Amino acid sequence: MSFKTTSSIIINDLNFRTSVLESLDWDELVCNDFFIYLEQSLENNLSIEELFSDIIRLYNKNLAIIIKDVFEEVYYNYLEEKS
């Protein structure tokens, strides 16, 4: 499974979406905006530093922590697949 496939699975995961929505005070419009922002940022190869800085600035620190945890999980899964 490729990195992009693994990322898509996690992004579509209900628990992940619920965590994001909760971190955004259950505001579905802001949540949808965030997912659009995240997808565009990943497509445009925004650096990790810029991504987390933007998430904190545009949304909040709790959301940045959730995204960091997901990225780490994807990275560790990728490393396990390679070995």
C-alpha atoms as a PDB file:
ATOM      1  CA  MET A   1       0.000   0.000   0.000  1.00  0.00           C
ATOM      2  CA  SER A   2       1.414   3.400  -0.930  1.00  0.00           C
ATOM      3  CA  PHE A   3       1.772   6.442   1.319  1.00  0.00           C
ATOM      4  CA  LYS A   4      -1.045   8.208  -0.525  1.00  0.00           C
ATOM      5  CA  THR A   5      -3.369   5.201  -0.148  1.00  0.00           C
ATOM      6  CA  THR A   6      -2.602   4.929   3.554  1.00  0.00           C
ATOM      7  CA  SER A   7      -3.198   8.672   3.986  1.00  0.00           C
ATOM      8  CA  SER A   8      -6.534   8.460   2.200  1.00  0.00           C
ATOM      9  CA  ILE A   9      -7.662   5.616   4.436  1.00  0.00           C
ATOM     10  CA  ILE A  10      -6.857   7.572   7.575  1.00  0.00           C
ATOM     11  CA  ILE A  11      -8.417  10.800   6.293  1.00  0.00           C
ATOM     12  CA  ASN A  12     -11.622   8.925   5.567  1.00  0.00           C
ATOM     13  CA  ASP A  13     -11.644   7.202   8.924  1.00  0.00           C
ATOM     14  CA  LEU A  14     -14.672   8.049  11.031  1.00  0.00           C
ATOM     15  CA  ASN A  15     -12.710   8.315  14.287  1.00  0.00           C
ATOM     16  CA  PHE A  16     -10.295  10.745  12.707  1.00  0.00           C
ATOM     17  CA  ARG A  17     -13.103  12.890  11.334  1.00  0.00           C
ATOM     18  CA  THR A  18     -14.838  12.871  14.699  1.00  0.00           C
ATOM     19  CA  SER A  19     -11.655  13.995  16.456  1.00  0.00           C
ATOM     20  CA  VAL A  20     -11.197  16.800  13.961  1.00  0.00           C
ATOM     21  CA  LEU A  21     -14.804  17.889  14.286  1.00  0.00           C
ATOM     22  CA  GLU A  22     -14.576  17.843  18.076  1.00  0.00           C
ATOM     23  CA  SER A  23     -11.388  19.941  17.994  1.00  0.00           C
ATOM     24  CA  LEU A  24     -13.293  22.470  15.901  1.00  0.00           C
ATOM     25  CA  ASP A  25     -16.150  22.718  18.410  1.00  0.00           C
ATOM     26  CA  TRP A  26     -18.402  20.557  16.210  1.00  0.00           C
ATOM     27  CA  ASP A  27     -18.570  23.233  13.495  1.00  0.00           C
ATOM     28  CA  GLU A  28     -19.148  21.215  10.320  1.00  0.00           C
ATOM     29  CA  LEU A  29     -18.534  24.174   7.999  1.00  0.00           C
ATOM     30  CA  VAL A  30     -15.125  24.835   9.536  1.00  0.00           C
ATOM     31  CA  CYS A  31     -14.401  21.101   9.465  1.00  0.00           C
ATOM     32  CA  ASN A  32     -15.200  20.894   5.751  1.00  0.00           C
ATOM     33  CA  ASP A  33     -13.063  23.972   5.153  1.00  0.00           C
ATOM     34  CA  PHE A  34     -10.201  22.323   7.026  1.00  0.00           C
ATOM     35  CA  PHE A  35     -10.358  19.142   4.944  1.00  0.00           C
ATOM     36  CA  ILE A  36     -10.298  21.202   1.749  1.00  0.00           C
ATOM     37  CA  TYR A  37      -7.337  23.162   3.115  1.00  0.00           C
ATOM     38  CA  LEU A  38      -5.520  19.954   4.112  1.00  0.00           C
ATOM     39  CA  GLU A  39      -6.061  18.310   0.744  1.00  0.00           C
ATOM     40  CA  GLN A  40      -4.853  21.389  -1.141  1.00  0.00           C
ATOM     41  CA  SER A  41      -1.836  21.757   1.145  1.00  0.00           C
ATOM     42  CA  LEU A  42      -0.815  18.138   0.595  1.00  0.00           C
ATOM     43  CA  GLU A  43      -1.317  18.426  -3.163  1.00  0.00           C
ATOM     44  CA  ASN A  44       0.836  21.577  -3.207  1.00  0.00           C
ATOM     45  CA  ASN A  45       3.598  19.921  -1.145  1.00  0.00           C
ATOM     46  CA  LEU A  46       3.400  22.493   1.629  1.00  0.00           C
ATOM     47  CA  SER A  47       6.212  21.837   4.079  1.00  0.00           C
ATOM     48  CA  ILE A  48       5.323  20.182   7.373  1.00  0.00           C
ATOM     49  CA  GLU A  49       6.471  23.256   9.282  1.00  0.00           C
ATOM     50  CA  GLU A  50       4.252  25.536   7.208  1.00  0.00           C
ATOM     51  CA  LEU A  51       1.335  23.122   7.448  1.00  0.00           C
ATOM     52  CA  PHE A  52       1.407  22.948  11.250  1.00  0.00           C
ATOM     53  CA  SER A  53       1.994  26.666  11.575  1.00  0.00           C
ATOM     54  CA  ASP A  54      -0.998  27.362   9.320  1.00  0.00           C
ATOM     55  CA  ILE A  55      -3.222  24.889  11.159  1.00  0.00           C
ATOM     56  CA  ILE A  56      -2.419  26.554  14.490  1.00  0.00           C
ATOM     57  CA  ARG A  57      -2.935  30.029  13.010  1.00  0.00           C
ATOM     58  CA  LEU A  58      -6.082  29.253  11.001  1.00  0.00           C
ATOM     59  CA  TYR A  59      -7.709  26.669  13.268  1.00  0.00           C
ATOM     60  CA  ASN A  60      -6.169  25.744  16.632  1.00  0.00           C
ATOM     61  CA  LYS A  61      -3.367  23.926  18.410  1.00  0.00           C
ATOM     62  CA  ASN A  62      -5.516  20.910  19.312  1.00  0.00           C
ATOM     63  CA  LEU A  63      -6.194  20.256  15.646  1.00  0.00           C
ATOM     64  CA  ALA A  64      -2.478  20.554  14.857  1.00  0.00           C
ATOM     65  CA  ILE A  65      -1.753  17.888  17.490  1.00  0.00           C
ATOM     66  CA  ILE A  66      -4.352  15.553  15.968  1.00  0.00           C
ATOM     67  CA  ILE A  67      -2.860  16.003  12.498  1.00  0.00           C
ATOM     68  CA  LYS A  68       0.667  15.498  13.852  1.00  0.00           C
ATOM     69  CA  ASP A  69      -0.396  12.217  15.460  1.00  0.00           C
ATOM     70  CA  VAL A  70      -1.978  11.028  12.216  1.00  0.00           C
ATOM     71  CA  PHE A  71       1.102  11.926  10.181  1.00  0.00           C
ATOM     72  CA  GLU A  72       3.292  10.045  12.645  1.00  0.00           C
ATOM     73  CA  GLU A  73       1.028   6.996  12.412  1.00  0.00           C
ATOM     74  CA  VAL A  74       1.143   7.057   8.620  1.00  0.00           C
ATOM     75  CA  TYR A  75       4.921   7.456   8.659  1.00  0.00           C
ATOM     76  CA  TYR A  76       5.453   4.561  11.073  1.00  0.00           C
ATOM     77  CA  ASN A  77       3.106   2.353   9.046  1.00  0.00           C
ATOM     78  CA  TYR A  78       5.078   3.266   5.931  1.00  0.00           C
ATOM     79  CA  LEU A  79       8.343   2.317   7.625  1.00  0.00           C
ATOM     80  CA  GLU A  80       6.898  -1.021   8.745  1.00  0.00           C
ATOM     81  CA  GLU A  81       5.752  -1.789   5.203  1.00  0.00           C
ATOM     82  CA  LYS A  82       9.248  -1.092   3.863  1.00  0.00           C
ATOM     83  CA  SER A  83      10.955  -3.471   6.286  1.00  0.00           C
END
